[in-house]
C-alpha atoms as a PDB file:
ATOM      1  CA  MET A   1      99.421 -13.469 199.205  1.00  0.00           C
ATOM      2  CA  PRO A   2      99.438 -10.996 202.146  1.00  0.00           C
ATOM      3  CA  PRO A   3     101.647 -11.918 205.103  1.00  0.00           C
ATOM      4  CA  SER A   4      99.907 -13.690 207.966  1.00  0.00           C
ATOM      5  CA  ARG A   5      99.462 -11.755 211.188  1.00  0.00           C
ATOM      6  CA  PRO A   6     101.537 -12.601 214.276  1.00  0.00           C
ATOM      7  CA  LEU A   7     100.227 -15.295 216.598  1.00  0.00           C
ATOM      8  CA  ARG A   8      98.163 -13.738 219.392  1.00  0.00           C
ATOM      9  CA  ILE A   9      98.690 -15.518 222.713  1.00  0.00           C
ATOM     10  CA  GLY A  10      96.893 -14.731 225.951  1.00  0.00           C
ATOM     11  CA  LEU A  11      98.635 -15.587 229.226  1.00  0.00           C
ATOM     12  CA  TYR A  12      96.423 -16.073 232.278  1.00  0.00           C
ATOM     13  CA  GLY A  13      98.310 -16.383 235.541  1.00  0.00           C
ATOM     14  CA  GLY A  14      96.748 -17.006 238.934  1.00  0.00           C
ATOM     15  CA  THR A  15      96.605 -19.337 241.899  1.00  0.00           C
ATOM     16  CA  PHE A  16      93.243 -20.766 240.721  1.00  0.00           C
ATOM     17  CA  ASP A  17      92.542 -22.029 244.230  1.00  0.00           C
ATOM     18  CA  PRO A  18      90.064 -23.118 242.989  1.00  0.00           C
ATOM     19  CA  VAL A  19      89.353 -22.186 239.381  1.00  0.00           C
ATOM     20  CA  HIS A  20      85.769 -20.924 239.068  1.00  0.00           C
ATOM     21  CA  HIS A  21      83.202 -19.614 236.593  1.00  0.00           C
ATOM     22  CA  GLY A  22      84.557 -16.071 236.881  1.00  0.00           C
ATOM     23  CA  HIS A  23      87.953 -17.215 235.615  1.00  0.00           C
ATOM     24  CA  LEU A  24      86.412 -19.243 232.807  1.00  0.00           C
ATOM     25  CA  ILE A  25      84.059 -16.527 231.596  1.00  0.00           C
ATOM     26  CA  GLY A  26      86.829 -13.920 231.640  1.00  0.00           C
ATOM     27  CA  ALA A  27      89.109 -16.235 229.683  1.00  0.00           C
ATOM     28  CA  ARG A  28      86.395 -16.976 227.120  1.00  0.00           C
ATOM     29  CA  ASP A  29      85.705 -13.265 226.661  1.00  0.00           C
ATOM     30  CA  ALA A  30      89.422 -12.584 226.179  1.00  0.00           C
ATOM     31  CA  LEU A  31      89.742 -15.405 223.674  1.00  0.00           C
ATOM     32  CA  GLU A  32      86.878 -14.151 221.543  1.00  0.00           C
ATOM     33  CA  GLN A  33      86.960 -10.376 221.966  1.00  0.00           C
ATOM     34  CA  ALA A  34      90.741 -10.001 221.683  1.00  0.00           C
ATOM     35  CA  SER A  35      90.926 -12.477 218.770  1.00  0.00           C
ATOM     36  CA  LEU A  36      93.441 -14.682 220.569  1.00  0.00           C
ATOM     37  CA  ASP A  37      94.779 -17.774 218.847  1.00  0.00           C
ATOM     38  CA  LEU A  38      95.700 -19.436 222.147  1.00  0.00           C
ATOM     39  CA  LEU A  39      95.048 -18.773 225.803  1.00  0.00           C
ATOM     40  CA  VAL A  40      97.542 -20.320 228.200  1.00  0.00           C
ATOM     41  CA  TRP A  41      96.539 -20.852 231.823  1.00  0.00           C
ATOM     42  CA  ILE A  42      99.556 -20.561 234.141  1.00  0.00           C
ATOM     43  CA  PRO A  43      98.967 -21.772 237.715  1.00  0.00           C
ATOM     44  CA  CYS A  44     101.116 -19.699 240.050  1.00  0.00           C
ATOM     45  CA  ALA A  45     103.268 -21.633 242.488  1.00  0.00           C
ATOM     46  CA  ARG A  46     103.985 -18.779 244.912  1.00  0.00           C
ATOM     47  CA  SER A  47     102.421 -15.376 244.300  1.00  0.00           C
ATOM     48  CA  PRO A  48     104.681 -12.430 245.196  1.00  0.00           C
ATOM     49  CA  HIS A  49     101.532 -10.466 246.085  1.00  0.00           C
ATOM     50  CA  LYS A  50     100.176 -12.919 248.658  1.00  0.00           C
ATOM     51  CA  ALA A  51     101.530 -14.035 252.009  1.00  0.00           C
ATOM     52  CA  GLY A  52     102.612 -17.648 251.848  1.00  0.00           C
ATOM     53  CA  PRO A  53     101.950 -20.337 249.251  1.00  0.00           C
ATOM     54  CA  PRO A  54      98.470 -21.308 247.985  1.00  0.00           C
ATOM     55  CA  LEU A  55      96.305 -23.229 250.444  1.00  0.00           C
ATOM     56  CA  THR A  56      96.062 -26.217 248.104  1.00  0.00           C
ATOM     57  CA  SER A  57      98.913 -28.217 246.611  1.00  0.00           C
ATOM     58  CA  ASP A  58     100.157 -27.571 243.093  1.00  0.00           C
ATOM     59  CA  ALA A  59      98.975 -31.043 242.078  1.00  0.00           C
ATOM     60  CA  ASP A  60      95.432 -30.484 243.363  1.00  0.00           C
ATOM     61  CA  ARG A  61      95.060 -27.020 241.823  1.00  0.00           C
ATOM     62  CA  LEU A  62      96.400 -28.325 238.534  1.00  0.00           C
ATOM     63  CA  ALA A  63      93.980 -31.269 238.622  1.00  0.00           C
ATOM     64  CA  LEU A  64      91.015 -28.947 239.232  1.00  0.00           C
ATOM     65  CA  LEU A  65      92.089 -26.711 236.360  1.00  0.00           C
ATOM     66  CA  GLU A  66      92.472 -29.702 234.047  1.00  0.00           C
ATOM     67  CA  ARG A  67      88.981 -30.931 234.979  1.00  0.00           C
ATOM     68  CA  ALA A  68      87.500 -27.485 234.361  1.00  0.00           C
ATOM     69  CA  LEU A  69      89.087 -27.032 230.951  1.00  0.00           C
ATOM     70  CA  SER A  70      88.397 -30.572 229.780  1.00  0.00           C
ATOM     71  CA  SER A  71      84.704 -30.012 230.498  1.00  0.00           C
ATOM     72  CA  LEU A  72      84.714 -27.039 228.101  1.00  0.00           C
ATOM     73  CA  GLY A  73      86.277 -28.788 225.107  1.00  0.00           C
ATOM     74  CA  GLU A  74      88.018 -25.590 223.953  1.00  0.00           C
ATOM     75  CA  PRO A  75      91.190 -26.576 222.023  1.00  0.00           C
ATOM     76  CA  ARG A  76      92.615 -23.045 222.277  1.00  0.00           C
ATOM     77  CA  PHE A  77      92.802 -23.321 226.071  1.00  0.00           C
ATOM     78  CA  LEU A  78      96.155 -24.751 227.175  1.00  0.00           C
ATOM     79  CA  ILE A  79      97.842 -25.198 230.555  1.00  0.00           C
ATOM     80  CA  SER A  80     101.485 -24.369 231.258  1.00  0.00           C
ATOM     81  CA  GLN A  81     103.248 -25.783 234.322  1.00  0.00           C
ATOM     82  CA  LEU A  82     106.142 -23.363 233.852  1.00  0.00           C
ATOM     83  CA  GLU A  83     105.805 -21.626 237.220  1.00  0.00           C
ATOM     84  CA  ILE A  84     105.136 -24.861 239.095  1.00  0.00           C
ATOM     85  CA  ALA A  85     108.229 -26.450 237.539  1.00  0.00           C
ATOM     86  CA  ARG A  86     110.319 -23.374 238.371  1.00  0.00           C
ATOM     87  CA  ALA A  87     109.174 -23.554 241.998  1.00  0.00           C
ATOM     88  CA  ARG A  88     110.368 -27.145 242.244  1.00  0.00           C
ATOM     89  CA  ARG A  89     113.844 -25.943 241.282  1.00  0.00           C
ATOM     90  CA  GLN A  90     113.655 -22.788 243.430  1.00  0.00           C
ATOM     91  CA  PRO A  91     111.192 -23.546 246.267  1.00  0.00           C
ATOM     92  CA  LEU A  92     111.534 -20.199 248.047  1.00  0.00           C
ATOM     93  CA  SER A  93     111.413 -17.989 244.958  1.00  0.00           C
ATOM     94  CA  PRO A  94     108.143 -16.175 244.137  1.00  0.00           C
ATOM     95  CA  SER A  95     106.520 -16.724 240.736  1.00  0.00           C
ATOM     96  CA  TYR A  96     107.410 -13.418 239.096  1.00  0.00           C
ATOM     97  CA  THR A  97     105.429 -12.515 235.985  1.00  0.00           C
ATOM     98  CA  ILE A  98     108.491 -11.046 234.266  1.00  0.00           C
ATOM     99  CA  ASP A  99     110.289 -14.419 234.387  1.00  0.00           C
ATOM    100  CA  THR A 100     107.288 -16.199 232.902  1.00  0.00           C
ATOM    101  CA  VAL A 101     106.763 -13.616 230.180  1.00  0.00           C
ATOM    102  CA  ARG A 102     110.428 -13.747 229.172  1.00  0.00           C
ATOM    103  CA  ALA A 103     110.184 -17.515 228.833  1.00  0.00           C
ATOM    104  CA  PHE A 104     107.174 -17.158 226.528  1.00  0.00           C
ATOM    105  CA  ARG A 105     108.850 -14.381 224.572  1.00  0.00           C
ATOM    106  CA  ASP A 106     111.874 -16.640 224.012  1.00  0.00           C
ATOM    107  CA  ALA A 107     109.581 -19.452 222.864  1.00  0.00           C
ATOM    108  CA  PHE A 108     107.442 -17.193 220.642  1.00  0.00           C
ATOM    109  CA  PRO A 109     109.668 -14.286 219.545  1.00  0.00           C
ATOM    110  CA  ASP A 110     107.262 -13.013 216.891  1.00  0.00           C
ATOM    111  CA  ALA A 111     103.981 -13.471 218.763  1.00  0.00           C
ATOM    112  CA  ALA A 112     101.820 -10.739 220.261  1.00  0.00           C
ATOM    113  CA  LEU A 113     101.607 -11.575 223.973  1.00  0.00           C
ATOM    114  CA  PHE A 114      98.746 -10.473 226.234  1.00  0.00           C
ATOM    115  CA  TRP A 115      98.705 -10.844 230.020  1.00  0.00           C
ATOM    116  CA  LEU A 116      95.192 -11.020 231.489  1.00  0.00           C
ATOM    117  CA  ILE A 117      94.494  -8.954 234.615  1.00  0.00           C
ATOM    118  CA  GLY A 118      91.511  -7.934 236.709  1.00  0.00           C
ATOM    119  CA  ALA A 119      90.624  -4.372 237.678  1.00  0.00           C
ATOM    120  CA  ASP A 120      92.005  -4.912 241.186  1.00  0.00           C
ATOM    121  CA  GLN A 121      95.468  -5.507 239.732  1.00  0.00           C
ATOM    122  CA  LEU A 122      95.543  -2.409 237.541  1.00  0.00           C
ATOM    123  CA  PRO A 123      96.620   0.106 240.243  1.00  0.00           C
ATOM    124  CA  LYS A 124      99.385  -2.265 241.377  1.00  0.00           C
ATOM    125  CA  LEU A 125     101.084  -2.831 238.014  1.00  0.00           C
ATOM    126  CA  GLY A 126     103.784  -0.286 238.766  1.00  0.00           C
ATOM    127  CA  THR A 127     104.871  -2.337 241.787  1.00  0.00           C
ATOM    128  CA  TRP A 128     105.407  -5.553 239.830  1.00  0.00           C
ATOM    129  CA  LYS A 129     108.995  -6.717 239.418  1.00  0.00           C
ATOM    130  CA  GLU A 130     110.662  -4.990 236.432  1.00  0.00           C
ATOM    131  CA  ALA A 131     107.363  -3.330 235.561  1.00  0.00           C
ATOM    132  CA  ALA A 132     108.839  -1.185 232.773  1.00  0.00           C
ATOM    133  CA  ALA A 133     110.420  -4.193 231.054  1.00  0.00           C
ATOM    134  CA  LEU A 134     107.187  -6.127 231.473  1.00  0.00           C
ATOM    135  CA  ARG A 135     105.211  -3.435 229.660  1.00  0.00           C
ATOM    136  CA  ARG A 136     107.581  -3.685 226.713  1.00  0.00           C
ATOM    137  CA  LEU A 137     107.077  -7.438 226.428  1.00  0.00           C
ATOM    138  CA  VAL A 138     103.299  -7.775 226.790  1.00  0.00           C
ATOM    139  CA  THR A 139     100.068  -5.872 226.469  1.00  0.00           C
ATOM    140  CA  PHE A 140      97.966  -6.144 229.615  1.00  0.00           C
ATOM    141  CA  LEU A 141      94.404  -7.165 228.838  1.00  0.00           C
ATOM    142  CA  LEU A 142      91.908  -5.836 231.356  1.00  0.00           C
ATOM    143  CA  LEU A 143      88.992  -8.183 232.016  1.00  0.00           C
ATOM    144  CA  GLU A 144      86.697  -5.393 233.204  1.00  0.00           C
ATOM    145  CA  ARG A 145      84.612  -2.562 231.824  1.00  0.00           C
ATOM    146  CA  THR A 146      86.397   0.778 231.666  1.00  0.00           C
ATOM    147  CA  ASP A 147      83.469   3.106 232.432  1.00  0.00           C
ATOM    148  CA  ASP A 148      82.874   4.485 235.894  1.00  0.00           C
ATOM    149  CA  ALA A 149      79.221   3.485 235.871  1.00  0.00           C
ATOM    150  CA  GLY A 150      79.891  -0.253 235.944  1.00  0.00           C
ATOM    151  CA  GLY A 151      78.246  -1.135 232.671  1.00  0.00           C
ATOM    152  CA  LYS A 152      76.039   1.921 232.176  1.00  0.00           C
ATOM    153  CA  LYS A 153      77.160   4.817 230.045  1.00  0.00           C
ATOM    154  CA  GLY A 154      79.755   6.648 232.067  1.00  0.00           C
ATOM    155  CA  LYS A 155      82.972   8.546 231.771  1.00  0.00           C
ATOM    156  CA  GLN A 156      85.630   6.357 230.215  1.00  0.00           C
ATOM    157  CA  ARG A 157      88.617   5.646 232.394  1.00  0.00           C
ATOM    158  CA  LYS A 158      91.925   6.514 230.777  1.00  0.00           C
ATOM    159  CA  LEU A 159      94.068   3.399 230.730  1.00  0.00           C
ATOM    160  CA  PRO A 160      97.861   3.395 231.139  1.00  0.00           C
ATOM    161  CA  ALA A 161     100.128   2.660 228.198  1.00  0.00           C
ATOM    162  CA  ARG A 162     100.210  -0.992 227.128  1.00  0.00           C
ATOM    163  CA  VAL A 163      96.905  -1.737 228.850  1.00  0.00           C
ATOM    164  CA  ALA A 164      93.894  -2.630 226.691  1.00  0.00           C
ATOM    165  CA  ALA A 165      90.327  -3.362 227.740  1.00  0.00           C
ATOM    166  CA  LEU A 166      87.886  -5.864 226.316  1.00  0.00           C
ATOM    167  CA  PRO A 167      85.057  -4.077 224.488  1.00  0.00           C
ATOM    168  CA  SER A 168      82.200  -5.821 226.305  1.00  0.00           C
ATOM    169  CA  PRO A 169      83.343  -8.199 229.046  1.00  0.00           C
ATOM    170  CA  ARG A 170      80.812 -10.071 231.149  1.00  0.00           C
ATOM    171  CA  ILE A 171      81.235  -9.124 234.780  1.00  0.00           C
ATOM    172  CA  VAL A 172      81.013 -12.134 237.084  1.00  0.00           C
ATOM    173  CA  THR A 173      81.975 -11.496 240.695  1.00  0.00           C
ATOM    174  CA  ILE A 174      83.036 -14.758 242.302  1.00  0.00           C
ATOM    175  CA  SER A 175      85.511 -15.084 245.153  1.00  0.00           C
ATOM    176  CA  ALA A 176      87.719 -18.136 245.608  1.00  0.00           C
ATOM    177  CA  THR A 177      87.762 -17.271 249.317  1.00  0.00           C
ATOM    178  CA  GLU A 178      83.966 -17.520 249.408  1.00  0.00           C
ATOM    179  CA  ILE A 179      84.075 -20.864 247.586  1.00  0.00           C
ATOM    180  CA  ARG A 180      86.494 -22.261 250.157  1.00  0.00           C
ATOM    181  CA  ARG A 181      84.325 -20.909 252.994  1.00  0.00           C
ATOM    182  CA  ARG A 182      81.229 -22.581 251.552  1.00  0.00           C
ATOM    183  CA  VAL A 183      83.030 -25.899 251.189  1.00  0.00           C
ATOM    184  CA  ARG A 184      84.180 -25.746 254.831  1.00  0.00           C
ATOM    185  CA  ALA A 185      80.595 -24.998 255.861  1.00  0.00           C
ATOM    186  CA  GLY A 186      79.237 -27.915 253.835  1.00  0.00           C
ATOM    187  CA  LEU A 187      77.368 -25.618 251.437  1.00  0.00           C
ATOM    188  CA  PRO A 188      77.018 -26.315 247.689  1.00  0.00           C
ATOM    189  CA  VAL A 189      79.373 -24.608 245.233  1.00  0.00           C
ATOM    190  CA  ASP A 190      77.991 -26.051 241.986  1.00  0.00           C
ATOM    191  CA  HIS A 191      76.777 -22.609 240.909  1.00  0.00           C
ATOM    192  CA  LEU A 192      80.263 -21.130 241.374  1.00  0.00           C
ATOM    193  CA  VAL A 193      82.496 -23.759 239.761  1.00  0.00           C
ATOM    194  CA  PRO A 194      82.040 -26.306 236.961  1.00  0.00           C
ATOM    195  CA  ARG A 195      80.345 -29.503 238.101  1.00  0.00           C
ATOM    196  CA  ALA A 196      83.518 -31.491 237.401  1.00  0.00           C
ATOM    197  CA  VAL A 197      85.457 -29.168 239.716  1.00  0.00           C
ATOM    198  CA  ALA A 198      82.851 -29.397 242.492  1.00  0.00           C
ATOM    199  CA  THR A 199      82.935 -33.191 242.229  1.00  0.00           C
ATOM    200  CA  SER A 200      86.728 -33.262 242.324  1.00  0.00           C
ATOM    201  CA  ILE A 201      86.838 -30.938 245.352  1.00  0.00           C
ATOM    202  CA  ALA A 202      84.510 -33.295 247.220  1.00  0.00           C
ATOM    203  CA  LYS A 203      86.366 -36.465 246.206  1.00  0.00           C
ATOM    204  CA  ARG A 204      89.745 -35.017 247.163  1.00  0.00           C
ATOM    205  CA  GLY A 205      88.450 -33.582 250.434  1.00  0.00           C
ATOM    206  CA  LEU A 206      89.796 -30.124 249.602  1.00  0.00           C
ATOM    207  CA  TYR A 207      89.144 -26.935 251.601  1.00  0.00           C
ATOM    208  CA  ARG A 208      87.769 -28.811 254.607  1.00  0.00           C
END
């Protein structure tokens, strides 16, 4: 019998403030097109790339993410509270990707790990903490097309080492900032987030 292949685990970090259809579609594309066995959502407690903590509490963002994923019924989607738990122990410390990846590498020493990123993060990878070590531990999975024509036939962008692109990702441009603005203005957001998330935002009085 041939040996089984290593477990393929996608890691999706972000503030998810709130989680929206763009996140969910990108995660689904990664799961299917990269043949992932698991995709772990990792809510960030304090992003080193943003000024200040998320606008919404860890508990509220986690609850919205749980509602979103439960509405999908996808057993390969999991949530890790690793960065939130670390922030409780070290409240002023940013949620560095390298620390999270090392924890997953320790837990899954033989797995192939993939860290999901958007195109806006690609030029900044070299500035991430211990970027060289990070590239040795994970393959970055780009949730964007790699041609210059934005979906039409164009010149292929050359990707850095340890960065892979999905073959045919669906491009959905949704801004969490715009969602929060619409909520403050009393405008509907049902077309931008799952219905369960929109309902939970309203019940919790978030982003007012």
